[in-house]
Amino acid sequence: MPRQLILASSSPYRRQLLQRLQLPFECSSPHINEEATVGETPEALAGRLASEKAQALAARFPDALIIGSDQVADLQGQALGKPGNLETAREQLLACSGEQVVFHTGLSLLDTATGQQRTEVDRFTVHFRKLSEQQILNYLNREQPFDCAGSFKVEGLGIALFEKMEGSDHNSLIGLPLIRLVSLLSEFGLPPLEQP
């Protein structure tokens, strides 16, 4: 019988991505402090939070594979969080206009039966178009991406904000690097293409 697979997230975006692998899984929300420590880089923060999310559910699921993931947008070394409201999103997109933003998506897989855990960080770079304030407001009013790091949804109209994207897996930009996750699941004995 295949191992129980847990997604340590309440994100509907991550849930939809994981469903693409056609493996049975459950979602459970971890409760951790997501604040950066002093001097912590956006990349280190993404990896640490992914690892802590998986660890936070270990006691509740003692014989499972737990997937933790977290994403931090990085504009010239400054972390951009989820904006939460229109004004913060407007400020974020104005700052990103004409700039490169690196998205660090932490991915951690924990085997609670053995304690084995692997954590990696996937990098994906987006090059923003030069945007007018009116274009930004038009976008935000139409898509309202206030729960998304960086203030956009690449799977929607957010694609119009970019000139170019660079990375190995566009899924990491949405919140879960599936290509890397397939490799980790295979290493941990749950290769998606070998499941009945």
N, C-alpha and C. Protein backbone atom coordinates (compact mmCIF):
# COMPACT_ATOMS: atom_id res chain seq x y z
N MET A 1 0.83 -1.17 0.00
CA MET A 1 0.00 0.00 0.00
C MET A 1 0.89 1.25 0.00
N PRO A 2 0.59 2.25 -0.86
CA PRO A 2 1.44 3.43 -0.91
C PRO A 2 1.39 4.23 0.39
N ARG A 3 2.48 4.91 0.65
CA ARG A 3 2.58 5.74 1.86
C ARG A 3 1.56 6.86 1.81
N GLN A 4 1.12 7.28 2.98
CA GLN A 4 0.24 8.44 3.08
C GLN A 4 1.04 9.68 2.67
N LEU A 5 0.46 10.50 1.80
CA LEU A 5 1.12 11.70 1.32
C LEU A 5 0.35 12.91 1.85
N ILE A 6 1.09 13.83 2.47
CA ILE A 6 0.48 15.00 3.10
C ILE A 6 1.08 16.26 2.48
N LEU A 7 0.24 17.19 2.10
CA LEU A 7 0.69 18.50 1.65
C LEU A 7 0.52 19.46 2.83
N ALA A 8 1.63 19.97 3.34
CA ALA A 8 1.59 20.85 4.50
C ALA A 8 1.27 22.27 4.03
N SER A 9 0.02 22.46 3.65
CA SER A 9 -0.37 23.76 3.10
C SER A 9 -1.89 23.88 3.06
N SER A 10 -2.36 25.10 3.16
CA SER A 10 -3.78 25.37 2.93
C SER A 10 -3.97 26.12 1.61
N SER A 11 -2.88 26.27 0.85
CA SER A 11 -2.92 27.02 -0.41
C SER A 11 -3.71 26.27 -1.48
N PRO A 12 -4.74 26.89 -2.04
CA PRO A 12 -5.45 26.24 -3.15
C PRO A 12 -4.58 26.08 -4.38
N TYR A 13 -3.60 26.97 -4.55
CA TYR A 13 -2.70 26.89 -5.71
C TYR A 13 -1.81 25.66 -5.62
N ARG A 14 -1.25 25.42 -4.44
CA ARG A 14 -0.39 24.22 -4.27
C ARG A 14 -1.22 22.94 -4.38
N ARG A 15 -2.42 22.97 -3.83
CA ARG A 15 -3.29 21.78 -3.92
C ARG A 15 -3.58 21.44 -5.38
N GLN A 16 -3.91 22.45 -6.18
CA GLN A 16 -4.20 22.21 -7.60
C GLN A 16 -2.97 21.70 -8.34
N LEU A 17 -1.80 22.21 -8.00
CA LEU A 17 -0.58 21.72 -8.65
C LEU A 17 -0.32 20.26 -8.30
N LEU A 18 -0.41 19.92 -7.01
CA LEU A 18 -0.13 18.55 -6.59
C LEU A 18 -1.13 17.56 -7.19
N GLN A 19 -2.36 17.99 -7.41
CA GLN A 19 -3.36 17.11 -8.03
C GLN A 19 -2.93 16.64 -9.42
N ARG A 20 -2.10 17.41 -10.08
CA ARG A 20 -1.64 17.04 -11.42
C ARG A 20 -0.81 15.75 -11.42
N LEU A 21 -0.21 15.40 -10.28
CA LEU A 21 0.59 14.17 -10.21
C LEU A 21 -0.28 12.93 -10.02
N GLN A 22 -1.57 13.12 -9.79
CA GLN A 22 -2.55 12.02 -9.67
C GLN A 22 -2.18 11.01 -8.59
N LEU A 23 -1.66 11.53 -7.48
CA LEU A 23 -1.40 10.71 -6.30
C LEU A 23 -2.42 11.10 -5.23
N PRO A 24 -2.94 10.12 -4.47
CA PRO A 24 -3.84 10.50 -3.39
C PRO A 24 -3.06 11.24 -2.30
N PHE A 25 -3.62 12.34 -1.82
CA PHE A 25 -2.96 13.09 -0.76
C PHE A 25 -4.00 13.82 0.07
N GLU A 26 -3.56 14.24 1.24
CA GLU A 26 -4.39 15.08 2.12
C GLU A 26 -3.67 16.40 2.33
N CYS A 27 -4.44 17.44 2.60
CA CYS A 27 -3.87 18.75 2.96
C CYS A 27 -4.06 18.97 4.45
N SER A 28 -3.04 19.51 5.07
CA SER A 28 -3.14 19.88 6.47
C SER A 28 -2.33 21.16 6.65
N SER A 29 -2.91 22.10 7.34
CA SER A 29 -2.27 23.42 7.47
C SER A 29 -1.29 23.44 8.64
N PRO A 30 -0.02 23.72 8.36
CA PRO A 30 0.94 23.85 9.45
C PRO A 30 0.85 25.25 10.05
N HIS A 31 1.13 25.37 11.31
CA HIS A 31 1.10 26.69 11.94
C HIS A 31 2.52 27.00 12.42
N ILE A 32 3.20 27.85 11.66
CA ILE A 32 4.57 28.23 12.01
C ILE A 32 4.70 29.75 11.92
N ASN A 33 5.74 30.26 12.52
CA ASN A 33 6.07 31.68 12.40
C ASN A 33 6.82 31.87 11.07
N GLU A 34 6.26 32.69 10.19
CA GLU A 34 6.84 32.85 8.86
C GLU A 34 7.72 34.10 8.73
N GLU A 35 8.07 34.71 9.86
CA GLU A 35 8.90 35.91 9.80
C GLU A 35 10.36 35.53 9.56
N ALA A 36 11.05 36.38 8.79
CA ALA A 36 12.47 36.17 8.54
C ALA A 36 13.26 36.47 9.81
N THR A 37 14.38 35.78 9.99
CA THR A 37 15.28 36.10 11.08
C THR A 37 16.22 37.22 10.61
N VAL A 38 16.89 37.86 11.53
CA VAL A 38 17.78 38.97 11.20
C VAL A 38 18.87 38.48 10.23
N GLY A 39 18.99 39.18 9.10
CA GLY A 39 20.03 38.85 8.13
C GLY A 39 19.73 37.66 7.23
N GLU A 40 18.57 37.05 7.39
CA GLU A 40 18.23 35.87 6.59
C GLU A 40 17.90 36.29 5.15
N THR A 41 18.52 35.64 4.18
CA THR A 41 18.27 35.96 2.78
C THR A 41 16.91 35.41 2.35
N PRO A 42 16.30 35.97 1.30
CA PRO A 42 15.05 35.40 0.80
C PRO A 42 15.17 33.92 0.45
N GLU A 43 16.30 33.51 -0.13
CA GLU A 43 16.50 32.10 -0.49
C GLU A 43 16.54 31.21 0.75
N ALA A 44 17.29 31.64 1.76
CA ALA A 44 17.38 30.86 3.00
C ALA A 44 16.03 30.80 3.70
N LEU A 45 15.30 31.90 3.68
CA LEU A 45 13.98 31.94 4.30
C LEU A 45 13.04 30.94 3.64
N ALA A 46 13.02 30.90 2.30
CA ALA A 46 12.14 29.96 1.58
C ALA A 46 12.45 28.52 1.96
N GLY A 47 13.73 28.17 2.02
CA GLY A 47 14.12 26.80 2.38
C GLY A 47 13.76 26.46 3.82
N ARG A 48 14.03 27.40 4.73
CA ARG A 48 13.73 27.15 6.15
C ARG A 48 12.24 26.98 6.38
N LEU A 49 11.43 27.84 5.77
CA LEU A 49 9.98 27.74 5.98
C LEU A 49 9.41 26.45 5.40
N ALA A 50 9.90 26.02 4.24
CA ALA A 50 9.44 24.76 3.65
C ALA A 50 9.74 23.60 4.60
N SER A 51 10.95 23.59 5.14
CA SER A 51 11.36 22.53 6.06
C SER A 51 10.52 22.55 7.34
N GLU A 52 10.32 23.75 7.90
CA GLU A 52 9.55 23.87 9.15
C GLU A 52 8.09 23.49 8.96
N LYS A 53 7.53 23.80 7.78
CA LYS A 53 6.13 23.42 7.52
C LYS A 53 5.98 21.90 7.55
N ALA A 54 6.92 21.19 6.92
CA ALA A 54 6.85 19.72 6.93
C ALA A 54 7.02 19.20 8.36
N GLN A 55 8.01 19.74 9.09
CA GLN A 55 8.28 19.29 10.46
C GLN A 55 7.11 19.56 11.39
N ALA A 56 6.37 20.64 11.14
CA ALA A 56 5.27 21.02 12.03
C ALA A 56 4.16 19.97 12.07
N LEU A 57 4.07 19.14 11.03
CA LEU A 57 3.01 18.12 10.98
C LEU A 57 3.50 16.72 11.31
N ALA A 58 4.79 16.58 11.61
CA ALA A 58 5.38 15.25 11.81
C ALA A 58 4.70 14.46 12.92
N ALA A 59 4.39 15.10 14.04
CA ALA A 59 3.78 14.38 15.17
C ALA A 59 2.37 13.90 14.82
N ARG A 60 1.67 14.67 14.00
CA ARG A 60 0.30 14.32 13.64
C ARG A 60 0.25 13.17 12.62
N PHE A 61 1.30 13.01 11.83
CA PHE A 61 1.34 11.98 10.78
C PHE A 61 2.64 11.19 10.93
N PRO A 62 2.67 10.20 11.84
CA PRO A 62 3.92 9.51 12.17
C PRO A 62 4.42 8.53 11.11
N ASP A 63 3.63 8.22 10.09
CA ASP A 63 4.08 7.30 9.03
C ASP A 63 3.62 7.85 7.68
N ALA A 64 4.23 8.96 7.29
CA ALA A 64 3.78 9.64 6.06
C ALA A 64 4.95 10.33 5.39
N LEU A 65 4.72 10.69 4.14
CA LEU A 65 5.61 11.60 3.44
C LEU A 65 4.93 12.97 3.45
N ILE A 66 5.62 13.96 3.99
CA ILE A 66 5.03 15.29 4.11
C ILE A 66 5.78 16.26 3.21
N ILE A 67 5.02 16.98 2.40
CA ILE A 67 5.58 17.97 1.49
C ILE A 67 5.38 19.36 2.11
N GLY A 68 6.48 20.06 2.31
CA GLY A 68 6.43 21.45 2.74
C GLY A 68 6.93 22.33 1.61
N SER A 69 6.30 23.47 1.43
CA SER A 69 6.75 24.39 0.38
C SER A 69 6.46 25.82 0.81
N ASP A 70 7.34 26.72 0.43
CA ASP A 70 7.11 28.13 0.69
C ASP A 70 7.84 28.94 -0.38
N GLN A 71 7.30 30.11 -0.66
CA GLN A 71 7.87 30.93 -1.73
C GLN A 71 8.14 32.33 -1.21
N VAL A 72 9.30 32.85 -1.60
CA VAL A 72 9.67 34.22 -1.26
C VAL A 72 10.12 34.92 -2.54
N ALA A 73 9.49 36.05 -2.83
CA ALA A 73 9.88 36.87 -3.98
C ALA A 73 11.01 37.79 -3.53
N ASP A 74 12.01 37.94 -4.38
CA ASP A 74 13.24 38.66 -4.04
C ASP A 74 13.48 39.77 -5.06
N LEU A 75 13.32 41.01 -4.62
CA LEU A 75 13.60 42.16 -5.47
C LEU A 75 14.85 42.83 -4.92
N GLN A 76 15.98 42.61 -5.61
CA GLN A 76 17.27 43.19 -5.23
C GLN A 76 17.61 42.91 -3.76
N GLY A 77 17.37 41.66 -3.35
CA GLY A 77 17.73 41.24 -1.99
C GLY A 77 16.66 41.51 -0.95
N GLN A 78 15.58 42.18 -1.33
CA GLN A 78 14.48 42.45 -0.41
C GLN A 78 13.34 41.46 -0.65
N ALA A 79 12.85 40.86 0.40
CA ALA A 79 11.74 39.90 0.27
C ALA A 79 10.43 40.64 0.07
N LEU A 80 9.65 40.19 -0.91
CA LEU A 80 8.31 40.71 -1.15
C LEU A 80 7.32 39.66 -0.66
N GLY A 81 6.49 40.00 0.28
CA GLY A 81 5.52 39.03 0.79
C GLY A 81 4.21 39.10 0.03
N LYS A 82 3.21 38.45 0.58
CA LYS A 82 1.86 38.55 0.03
C LYS A 82 1.34 39.94 0.38
N PRO A 83 0.82 40.68 -0.58
CA PRO A 83 0.47 42.08 -0.30
C PRO A 83 -0.71 42.25 0.64
N GLY A 84 -1.73 41.40 0.53
CA GLY A 84 -2.88 41.49 1.42
C GLY A 84 -3.92 42.53 1.06
N ASN A 85 -3.51 43.57 0.33
CA ASN A 85 -4.47 44.61 -0.04
C ASN A 85 -4.01 45.34 -1.30
N LEU A 86 -4.88 46.14 -1.85
CA LEU A 86 -4.63 46.83 -3.12
C LEU A 86 -3.45 47.79 -3.03
N GLU A 87 -3.37 48.57 -1.98
CA GLU A 87 -2.31 49.59 -1.90
C GLU A 87 -0.93 48.96 -1.83
N THR A 88 -0.78 47.91 -1.02
CA THR A 88 0.52 47.23 -0.92
C THR A 88 0.87 46.56 -2.25
N ALA A 89 -0.12 45.96 -2.89
CA ALA A 89 0.12 45.32 -4.19
C ALA A 89 0.55 46.36 -5.23
N ARG A 90 -0.10 47.53 -5.21
CA ARG A 90 0.27 48.60 -6.14
C ARG A 90 1.73 49.02 -5.92
N GLU A 91 2.10 49.19 -4.66
CA GLU A 91 3.48 49.57 -4.33
C GLU A 91 4.47 48.51 -4.78
N GLN A 92 4.12 47.22 -4.57
CA GLN A 92 5.02 46.14 -4.98
C GLN A 92 5.22 46.16 -6.50
N LEU A 93 4.12 46.26 -7.25
CA LEU A 93 4.25 46.20 -8.71
C LEU A 93 4.94 47.44 -9.26
N LEU A 94 4.74 48.59 -8.64
CA LEU A 94 5.49 49.79 -9.07
C LEU A 94 6.99 49.57 -8.86
N ALA A 95 7.36 48.96 -7.74
CA ALA A 95 8.77 48.69 -7.46
C ALA A 95 9.35 47.66 -8.43
N CYS A 96 8.51 46.72 -8.87
CA CYS A 96 8.96 45.65 -9.78
C CYS A 96 9.02 46.09 -11.24
N SER A 97 8.33 47.15 -11.58
CA SER A 97 8.24 47.61 -12.96
C SER A 97 9.64 47.80 -13.56
N GLY A 98 9.89 47.12 -14.69
CA GLY A 98 11.18 47.21 -15.37
C GLY A 98 12.31 46.46 -14.70
N GLU A 99 12.01 45.72 -13.64
CA GLU A 99 13.06 45.03 -12.85
C GLU A 99 12.98 43.51 -13.01
N GLN A 100 14.03 42.84 -12.51
CA GLN A 100 14.02 41.38 -12.40
C GLN A 100 13.65 41.02 -10.97
N VAL A 101 12.77 40.03 -10.84
CA VAL A 101 12.42 39.52 -9.52
C VAL A 101 12.69 38.02 -9.51
N VAL A 102 13.42 37.58 -8.51
CA VAL A 102 13.74 36.15 -8.38
C VAL A 102 12.77 35.54 -7.36
N PHE A 103 12.12 34.46 -7.77
CA PHE A 103 11.23 33.74 -6.87
C PHE A 103 11.97 32.50 -6.36
N HIS A 104 12.14 32.45 -5.04
CA HIS A 104 12.77 31.30 -4.39
C HIS A 104 11.63 30.45 -3.84
N THR A 105 11.50 29.23 -4.36
CA THR A 105 10.45 28.33 -3.88
C THR A 105 11.10 27.17 -3.15
N GLY A 106 10.93 27.16 -1.84
CA GLY A 106 11.47 26.08 -1.03
C GLY A 106 10.59 24.85 -1.14
N LEU A 107 11.23 23.71 -1.22
CA LEU A 107 10.53 22.43 -1.30
C LEU A 107 11.20 21.48 -0.32
N SER A 108 10.41 20.87 0.55
CA SER A 108 10.95 19.93 1.52
C SER A 108 10.09 18.68 1.55
N LEU A 109 10.72 17.53 1.56
CA LEU A 109 10.01 16.26 1.68
C LEU A 109 10.54 15.54 2.91
N LEU A 110 9.63 15.21 3.82
CA LEU A 110 9.98 14.57 5.09
C LEU A 110 9.31 13.21 5.17
N ASP A 111 10.10 12.19 5.46
CA ASP A 111 9.58 10.86 5.75
C ASP A 111 9.50 10.74 7.27
N THR A 112 8.30 10.81 7.81
CA THR A 112 8.18 10.83 9.28
C THR A 112 8.48 9.48 9.91
N ALA A 113 8.45 8.41 9.13
CA ALA A 113 8.77 7.09 9.70
C ALA A 113 10.27 6.96 9.94
N THR A 114 11.09 7.55 9.08
CA THR A 114 12.55 7.40 9.20
C THR A 114 13.24 8.67 9.67
N GLY A 115 12.54 9.81 9.58
CA GLY A 115 13.16 11.08 9.91
C GLY A 115 13.96 11.69 8.77
N GLN A 116 14.06 10.96 7.66
CA GLN A 116 14.81 11.48 6.51
C GLN A 116 14.07 12.70 5.93
N GLN A 117 14.84 13.76 5.65
CA GLN A 117 14.24 14.96 5.07
C GLN A 117 15.20 15.58 4.07
N ARG A 118 14.65 15.99 2.93
CA ARG A 118 15.42 16.70 1.90
C ARG A 118 14.75 18.03 1.64
N THR A 119 15.54 19.09 1.63
CA THR A 119 15.02 20.43 1.37
C THR A 119 15.86 21.09 0.28
N GLU A 120 15.17 21.66 -0.69
CA GLU A 120 15.84 22.34 -1.80
C GLU A 120 15.11 23.64 -2.08
N VAL A 121 15.78 24.53 -2.79
CA VAL A 121 15.16 25.79 -3.19
C VAL A 121 15.30 25.96 -4.69
N ASP A 122 14.17 26.12 -5.36
CA ASP A 122 14.14 26.32 -6.81
C ASP A 122 14.10 27.82 -7.09
N ARG A 123 14.89 28.26 -8.05
CA ARG A 123 14.92 29.69 -8.42
C ARG A 123 14.23 29.88 -9.76
N PHE A 124 13.42 30.92 -9.83
CA PHE A 124 12.75 31.27 -11.09
C PHE A 124 12.76 32.79 -11.19
N THR A 125 13.23 33.31 -12.31
CA THR A 125 13.38 34.76 -12.48
C THR A 125 12.35 35.28 -13.47
N VAL A 126 11.70 36.36 -13.10
CA VAL A 126 10.78 37.03 -14.04
C VAL A 126 11.30 38.44 -14.30
N HIS A 127 11.20 38.84 -15.55
CA HIS A 127 11.61 40.18 -15.98
C HIS A 127 10.33 40.97 -16.25
N PHE A 128 10.07 41.96 -15.40
CA PHE A 128 8.85 42.75 -15.54
C PHE A 128 8.97 43.76 -16.68
N ARG A 129 7.87 43.96 -17.38
CA ARG A 129 7.78 45.05 -18.35
C ARG A 129 7.83 46.37 -17.58
N LYS A 130 8.13 47.45 -18.30
CA LYS A 130 7.97 48.78 -17.71
C LYS A 130 6.48 49.05 -17.70
N LEU A 131 5.91 49.24 -16.52
CA LEU A 131 4.46 49.34 -16.36
C LEU A 131 4.06 50.73 -15.89
N SER A 132 2.98 51.25 -16.45
CA SER A 132 2.44 52.51 -15.95
C SER A 132 1.58 52.23 -14.72
N GLU A 133 1.34 53.26 -13.94
CA GLU A 133 0.50 53.08 -12.75
C GLU A 133 -0.91 52.64 -13.14
N GLN A 134 -1.41 53.17 -14.28
CA GLN A 134 -2.75 52.78 -14.73
C GLN A 134 -2.80 51.31 -15.12
N GLN A 135 -1.76 50.82 -15.81
CA GLN A 135 -1.71 49.40 -16.17
C GLN A 135 -1.71 48.53 -14.91
N ILE A 136 -0.96 48.95 -13.92
CA ILE A 136 -0.89 48.20 -12.66
C ILE A 136 -2.26 48.16 -11.98
N LEU A 137 -2.91 49.31 -11.91
CA LEU A 137 -4.23 49.36 -11.27
C LEU A 137 -5.26 48.54 -12.05
N ASN A 138 -5.20 48.62 -13.39
CA ASN A 138 -6.11 47.81 -14.21
C ASN A 138 -5.91 46.33 -13.90
N TYR A 139 -4.65 45.91 -13.84
CA TYR A 139 -4.36 44.51 -13.54
C TYR A 139 -4.88 44.12 -12.15
N LEU A 140 -4.56 44.93 -11.15
CA LEU A 140 -4.94 44.58 -9.77
C LEU A 140 -6.45 44.55 -9.59
N ASN A 141 -7.15 45.47 -10.22
CA ASN A 141 -8.61 45.47 -10.11
C ASN A 141 -9.25 44.27 -10.79
N ARG A 142 -8.64 43.79 -11.86
CA ARG A 142 -9.21 42.65 -12.58
C ARG A 142 -8.88 41.32 -11.91
N GLU A 143 -7.66 41.17 -11.41
CA GLU A 143 -7.26 39.84 -10.91
C GLU A 143 -7.20 39.76 -9.38
N GLN A 144 -7.00 40.86 -8.70
CA GLN A 144 -6.96 40.91 -7.23
C GLN A 144 -6.06 39.82 -6.62
N PRO A 145 -4.77 39.84 -6.97
CA PRO A 145 -3.84 38.80 -6.50
C PRO A 145 -3.24 39.10 -5.13
N PHE A 146 -4.08 39.47 -4.18
CA PHE A 146 -3.59 39.96 -2.90
C PHE A 146 -3.07 38.86 -1.98
N ASP A 147 -3.34 37.59 -2.34
CA ASP A 147 -2.84 36.47 -1.55
C ASP A 147 -1.64 35.80 -2.21
N CYS A 148 -1.00 36.50 -3.17
CA CYS A 148 0.11 35.91 -3.94
C CYS A 148 1.39 36.71 -3.71
N ALA A 149 2.48 36.01 -3.40
CA ALA A 149 3.78 36.68 -3.27
C ALA A 149 4.11 37.39 -4.58
N GLY A 150 4.48 38.65 -4.49
CA GLY A 150 4.82 39.41 -5.68
C GLY A 150 3.65 40.11 -6.33
N SER A 151 2.44 39.87 -5.86
CA SER A 151 1.22 40.57 -6.33
C SER A 151 0.79 40.22 -7.74
N PHE A 152 0.95 38.96 -8.14
CA PHE A 152 0.44 38.56 -9.45
C PHE A 152 0.14 37.07 -9.48
N LYS A 153 -0.66 36.67 -10.47
CA LYS A 153 -0.95 35.26 -10.73
C LYS A 153 -0.46 34.96 -12.14
N VAL A 154 0.66 34.25 -12.24
CA VAL A 154 1.24 33.95 -13.55
C VAL A 154 0.32 33.07 -14.39
N GLU A 155 -0.54 32.29 -13.71
CA GLU A 155 -1.44 31.39 -14.45
C GLU A 155 -2.64 32.15 -15.00
N GLY A 156 -2.74 33.43 -14.71
CA GLY A 156 -3.83 34.26 -15.22
C GLY A 156 -3.29 35.43 -16.01
N LEU A 157 -3.92 36.59 -15.85
CA LEU A 157 -3.54 37.80 -16.57
C LEU A 157 -2.15 38.29 -16.17
N GLY A 158 -1.65 37.83 -15.05
CA GLY A 158 -0.32 38.23 -14.59
C GLY A 158 0.77 38.01 -15.62
N ILE A 159 0.57 37.08 -16.53
CA ILE A 159 1.57 36.83 -17.58
C ILE A 159 1.82 38.09 -18.41
N ALA A 160 0.84 38.98 -18.48
CA ALA A 160 0.98 40.21 -19.27
C ALA A 160 1.93 41.22 -18.62
N LEU A 161 2.32 40.98 -17.37
CA LEU A 161 3.23 41.87 -16.67
C LEU A 161 4.69 41.65 -17.07
N PHE A 162 4.98 40.53 -17.74
CA PHE A 162 6.37 40.10 -17.95
C PHE A 162 6.84 40.24 -19.38
N GLU A 163 8.16 40.51 -19.51
CA GLU A 163 8.83 40.46 -20.80
C GLU A 163 9.42 39.08 -21.04
N LYS A 164 9.88 38.46 -19.95
CA LYS A 164 10.59 37.20 -20.08
C LYS A 164 10.57 36.47 -18.75
N MET A 165 10.64 35.14 -18.81
CA MET A 165 10.74 34.32 -17.61
C MET A 165 11.88 33.33 -17.80
N GLU A 166 12.62 33.06 -16.72
CA GLU A 166 13.75 32.14 -16.79
C GLU A 166 13.70 31.17 -15.62
N GLY A 167 13.73 29.89 -15.92
CA GLY A 167 13.75 28.89 -14.86
C GLY A 167 13.48 27.52 -15.45
N SER A 168 13.68 26.49 -14.64
CA SER A 168 13.52 25.13 -15.14
C SER A 168 12.10 24.59 -14.98
N ASP A 169 11.28 25.22 -14.14
CA ASP A 169 9.93 24.69 -13.88
C ASP A 169 8.99 25.84 -13.55
N HIS A 170 8.13 26.20 -14.50
CA HIS A 170 7.22 27.33 -14.28
C HIS A 170 6.24 27.07 -13.13
N ASN A 171 6.06 25.80 -12.76
CA ASN A 171 5.18 25.49 -11.62
C ASN A 171 5.71 26.07 -10.31
N SER A 172 7.02 26.22 -10.22
CA SER A 172 7.58 26.77 -8.98
C SER A 172 7.13 28.22 -8.79
N LEU A 173 6.87 28.90 -9.90
CA LEU A 173 6.39 30.28 -9.82
C LEU A 173 4.99 30.34 -9.22
N ILE A 174 4.20 29.29 -9.41
CA ILE A 174 2.86 29.21 -8.84
C ILE A 174 2.92 28.74 -7.38
N GLY A 175 4.00 28.06 -7.03
CA GLY A 175 4.16 27.71 -5.62
C GLY A 175 4.62 26.30 -5.30
N LEU A 176 4.82 25.44 -6.32
CA LEU A 176 5.27 24.08 -6.03
C LEU A 176 6.07 23.56 -7.22
N PRO A 177 7.39 23.38 -7.08
CA PRO A 177 8.21 22.90 -8.20
C PRO A 177 7.99 21.40 -8.45
N LEU A 178 7.06 21.11 -9.34
CA LEU A 178 6.64 19.72 -9.56
C LEU A 178 7.74 18.84 -10.14
N ILE A 179 8.56 19.38 -11.02
CA ILE A 179 9.61 18.55 -11.63
C ILE A 179 10.56 18.04 -10.54
N ARG A 180 10.98 18.93 -9.66
CA ARG A 180 11.86 18.53 -8.56
C ARG A 180 11.13 17.62 -7.58
N LEU A 181 9.84 17.90 -7.34
CA LEU A 181 9.06 17.08 -6.42
C LEU A 181 8.95 15.64 -6.92
N VAL A 182 8.75 15.45 -8.22
CA VAL A 182 8.70 14.09 -8.78
C VAL A 182 9.99 13.35 -8.48
N SER A 183 11.14 14.04 -8.64
CA SER A 183 12.43 13.40 -8.34
C SER A 183 12.54 13.02 -6.88
N LEU A 184 12.13 13.93 -5.99
CA LEU A 184 12.19 13.62 -4.55
C LEU A 184 11.26 12.48 -4.17
N LEU A 185 10.04 12.51 -4.68
CA LEU A 185 9.10 11.42 -4.39
C LEU A 185 9.66 10.08 -4.86
N SER A 186 10.31 10.08 -6.02
CA SER A 186 10.91 8.84 -6.53
C SER A 186 12.02 8.36 -5.61
N GLU A 187 12.86 9.29 -5.14
CA GLU A 187 13.93 8.92 -4.20
C GLU A 187 13.37 8.35 -2.90
N PHE A 188 12.20 8.84 -2.49
CA PHE A 188 11.58 8.40 -1.23
C PHE A 188 10.63 7.22 -1.43
N GLY A 189 10.64 6.61 -2.61
CA GLY A 189 9.87 5.39 -2.85
C GLY A 189 8.45 5.57 -3.34
N LEU A 190 8.12 6.78 -3.85
CA LEU A 190 6.77 7.02 -4.36
C LEU A 190 6.82 7.67 -5.75
N PRO A 191 7.40 6.94 -6.72
CA PRO A 191 7.50 7.52 -8.07
C PRO A 191 6.12 7.60 -8.73
N PRO A 192 5.66 8.81 -9.09
CA PRO A 192 4.30 8.97 -9.60
C PRO A 192 3.97 8.10 -10.81
N LEU A 193 4.91 7.87 -11.71
CA LEU A 193 4.60 7.10 -12.91
C LEU A 193 4.58 5.60 -12.66
N GLU A 194 4.97 5.17 -11.46
CA GLU A 194 4.93 3.74 -11.15
C GLU A 194 3.78 3.37 -10.24
N GLN A 195 2.91 4.33 -9.95
CA GLN A 195 1.75 4.03 -9.12
C GLN A 195 0.62 3.50 -10.00
N PRO A 196 -0.18 2.54 -9.50
CA PRO A 196 -1.26 1.99 -10.32
C PRO A 196 -2.37 3.01 -10.58
